[in-house]
Amino acid sequence: MEELLIYAVLFLLLLGHTLLAGKMYRAVHANSHLSIKEKNDWKLKALIFPAYYWFQYQKEVKQS
């Protein structure tokens, strides 16, 4: 039973990671002010640490 709980928590973490990465990916792709290289850099960052880089991206967008 404990193992099932661990798997459920890991699944929820993975699901959250995937949803946030997808949200950031769509936001970066829709931003017409970024160059192709900048878009690719942000998209790669979204796949690695989406929660951290989402806030970094939002700060950069607000400054522009």
N, C-alpha and C. Protein backbone atom coordinates (compact mmCIF):
# COMPACT_ATOMS: atom_id res chain seq x y z
N MET A 1 0.82 -1.20 0.00
CA MET A 1 0.00 0.00 0.00
C MET A 1 0.87 1.27 0.00
N GLU A 2 1.96 1.21 0.74
CA GLU A 2 2.87 2.35 0.80
C GLU A 2 3.49 2.60 -0.57
N GLU A 3 3.79 1.54 -1.28
CA GLU A 3 4.38 1.66 -2.61
C GLU A 3 3.40 2.34 -3.58
N LEU A 4 2.14 2.01 -3.46
CA LEU A 4 1.13 2.62 -4.30
C LEU A 4 1.02 4.13 -4.04
N LEU A 5 1.13 4.51 -2.79
CA LEU A 5 1.10 5.92 -2.43
C LEU A 5 2.31 6.66 -3.03
N ILE A 6 3.45 6.05 -2.98
CA ILE A 6 4.66 6.66 -3.56
C ILE A 6 4.49 6.83 -5.06
N TYR A 7 3.98 5.81 -5.73
CA TYR A 7 3.75 5.90 -7.18
C TYR A 7 2.72 6.97 -7.52
N ALA A 8 1.70 7.12 -6.70
CA ALA A 8 0.68 8.14 -6.93
C ALA A 8 1.28 9.53 -6.81
N VAL A 9 2.11 9.75 -5.81
CA VAL A 9 2.76 11.05 -5.63
C VAL A 9 3.70 11.34 -6.79
N LEU A 10 4.48 10.35 -7.21
CA LEU A 10 5.39 10.54 -8.34
C LEU A 10 4.61 10.84 -9.62
N PHE A 11 3.50 10.18 -9.80
CA PHE A 11 2.66 10.42 -10.97
C PHE A 11 2.12 11.85 -10.96
N LEU A 12 1.68 12.32 -9.82
CA LEU A 12 1.17 13.69 -9.73
C LEU A 12 2.26 14.72 -9.99
N LEU A 13 3.46 14.46 -9.49
CA LEU A 13 4.59 15.35 -9.77
C LEU A 13 4.93 15.38 -11.25
N LEU A 14 4.94 14.22 -11.88
CA LEU A 14 5.21 14.13 -13.30
C LEU A 14 4.12 14.82 -14.12
N LEU A 15 2.89 14.66 -13.72
CA LEU A 15 1.77 15.30 -14.42
C LEU A 15 1.86 16.82 -14.29
N GLY A 16 2.17 17.32 -13.11
CA GLY A 16 2.33 18.75 -12.91
C GLY A 16 3.48 19.31 -13.73
N HIS A 17 4.58 18.58 -13.75
CA HIS A 17 5.75 18.99 -14.52
C HIS A 17 5.39 19.09 -16.00
N THR A 18 4.69 18.11 -16.50
CA THR A 18 4.31 18.07 -17.91
C THR A 18 3.35 19.20 -18.27
N LEU A 19 2.36 19.44 -17.42
CA LEU A 19 1.39 20.50 -17.70
C LEU A 19 2.03 21.88 -17.68
N LEU A 20 2.91 22.13 -16.71
CA LEU A 20 3.57 23.43 -16.63
C LEU A 20 4.55 23.62 -17.79
N ALA A 21 5.25 22.57 -18.18
CA ALA A 21 6.16 22.67 -19.33
C ALA A 21 5.37 22.97 -20.59
N GLY A 22 4.22 22.34 -20.76
CA GLY A 22 3.38 22.60 -21.92
C GLY A 22 2.84 24.01 -21.94
N LYS A 23 2.46 24.51 -20.78
CA LYS A 23 1.95 25.88 -20.68
C LYS A 23 3.04 26.89 -21.06
N MET A 24 4.24 26.66 -20.55
CA MET A 24 5.34 27.56 -20.87
C MET A 24 5.72 27.46 -22.34
N TYR A 25 5.70 26.25 -22.89
CA TYR A 25 6.03 26.03 -24.28
C TYR A 25 5.07 26.82 -25.17
N ARG A 26 3.77 26.77 -24.87
CA ARG A 26 2.79 27.51 -25.67
C ARG A 26 2.98 29.02 -25.54
N ALA A 27 3.28 29.49 -24.33
CA ALA A 27 3.48 30.92 -24.11
C ALA A 27 4.70 31.43 -24.86
N VAL A 28 5.78 30.67 -24.83
CA VAL A 28 7.00 31.07 -25.52
C VAL A 28 6.77 31.05 -27.03
N HIS A 29 6.10 30.03 -27.51
CA HIS A 29 5.86 29.90 -28.95
C HIS A 29 4.98 31.05 -29.46
N ALA A 30 4.07 31.55 -28.66
CA ALA A 30 3.17 32.62 -29.07
C ALA A 30 3.82 34.00 -29.00
N ASN A 31 4.95 34.12 -28.32
CA ASN A 31 5.63 35.41 -28.17
C ASN A 31 6.35 35.76 -29.48
N SER A 32 5.86 36.78 -30.16
CA SER A 32 6.44 37.14 -31.46
C SER A 32 7.68 38.04 -31.31
N HIS A 33 7.97 38.51 -30.11
CA HIS A 33 9.13 39.39 -29.88
C HIS A 33 10.44 38.62 -29.73
N LEU A 34 10.36 37.31 -29.55
CA LEU A 34 11.57 36.51 -29.36
C LEU A 34 12.08 35.99 -30.70
N SER A 35 13.39 35.87 -30.80
CA SER A 35 13.98 35.25 -32.00
C SER A 35 13.83 33.74 -31.90
N ILE A 36 14.13 33.07 -32.98
CA ILE A 36 14.02 31.60 -32.99
C ILE A 36 14.96 30.98 -31.96
N LYS A 37 16.18 31.52 -31.86
CA LYS A 37 17.14 30.99 -30.89
C LYS A 37 16.65 31.17 -29.46
N GLU A 38 16.11 32.36 -29.17
CA GLU A 38 15.59 32.62 -27.82
C GLU A 38 14.40 31.71 -27.51
N LYS A 39 13.53 31.51 -28.48
CA LYS A 39 12.39 30.61 -28.28
C LYS A 39 12.87 29.20 -27.98
N ASN A 40 13.85 28.73 -28.75
CA ASN A 40 14.36 27.38 -28.52
C ASN A 40 15.03 27.25 -27.16
N ASP A 41 15.75 28.29 -26.73
CA ASP A 41 16.37 28.26 -25.41
C ASP A 41 15.32 28.16 -24.30
N TRP A 42 14.27 28.98 -24.40
CA TRP A 42 13.22 28.95 -23.37
C TRP A 42 12.46 27.62 -23.40
N LYS A 43 12.25 27.08 -24.59
CA LYS A 43 11.52 25.79 -24.69
C LYS A 43 12.34 24.67 -24.05
N LEU A 44 13.64 24.69 -24.26
CA LEU A 44 14.50 23.68 -23.65
C LEU A 44 14.48 23.81 -22.13
N LYS A 45 14.55 25.03 -21.66
CA LYS A 45 14.49 25.27 -20.22
C LYS A 45 13.15 24.80 -19.65
N ALA A 46 12.08 24.97 -20.42
CA ALA A 46 10.75 24.54 -19.97
C ALA A 46 10.70 23.03 -19.79
N LEU A 47 11.45 22.30 -20.57
CA LEU A 47 11.44 20.84 -20.44
C LEU A 47 12.25 20.37 -19.23
N ILE A 48 13.22 21.16 -18.79
CA ILE A 48 14.08 20.74 -17.70
C ILE A 48 13.51 21.14 -16.34
N PHE A 49 13.32 22.44 -16.11
CA PHE A 49 12.80 22.96 -14.85
C PHE A 49 11.68 23.95 -15.12
N PRO A 50 10.49 23.48 -15.46
CA PRO A 50 9.44 24.42 -15.88
C PRO A 50 8.99 25.40 -14.81
N ALA A 51 8.92 24.99 -13.57
CA ALA A 51 8.43 25.88 -12.51
C ALA A 51 9.39 27.05 -12.29
N TYR A 52 10.67 26.76 -12.20
CA TYR A 52 11.67 27.81 -11.97
C TYR A 52 11.73 28.76 -13.15
N TYR A 53 11.84 28.22 -14.38
CA TYR A 53 12.01 29.06 -15.55
C TYR A 53 10.72 29.76 -15.96
N TRP A 54 9.56 29.29 -15.52
CA TRP A 54 8.32 30.00 -15.81
C TRP A 54 8.36 31.39 -15.16
N PHE A 55 8.81 31.44 -13.91
CA PHE A 55 8.90 32.73 -13.21
C PHE A 55 9.99 33.61 -13.82
N GLN A 56 11.08 33.01 -14.25
CA GLN A 56 12.14 33.78 -14.91
C GLN A 56 11.63 34.35 -16.23
N TYR A 57 10.88 33.57 -16.96
CA TYR A 57 10.32 34.01 -18.24
C TYR A 57 9.32 35.15 -18.01
N GLN A 58 8.49 35.02 -16.99
CA GLN A 58 7.51 36.05 -16.71
C GLN A 58 8.18 37.38 -16.33
N LYS A 59 9.28 37.31 -15.59
CA LYS A 59 10.03 38.53 -15.25
C LYS A 59 10.57 39.20 -16.50
N GLU A 60 11.11 38.39 -17.41
CA GLU A 60 11.68 38.94 -18.64
C GLU A 60 10.60 39.55 -19.53
N VAL A 61 9.45 38.92 -19.61
CA VAL A 61 8.36 39.44 -20.44
C VAL A 61 7.86 40.75 -19.88
N LYS A 62 7.77 40.88 -18.57
CA LYS A 62 7.29 42.12 -17.96
C LYS A 62 8.27 43.27 -18.17
N GLN A 63 9.58 42.96 -18.22
CA GLN A 63 10.59 43.99 -18.43
C GLN A 63 10.58 44.50 -19.86
N SER A 64 10.19 43.66 -20.79
CA SER A 64 10.21 44.05 -22.22
C SER A 64 9.07 44.94 -22.59
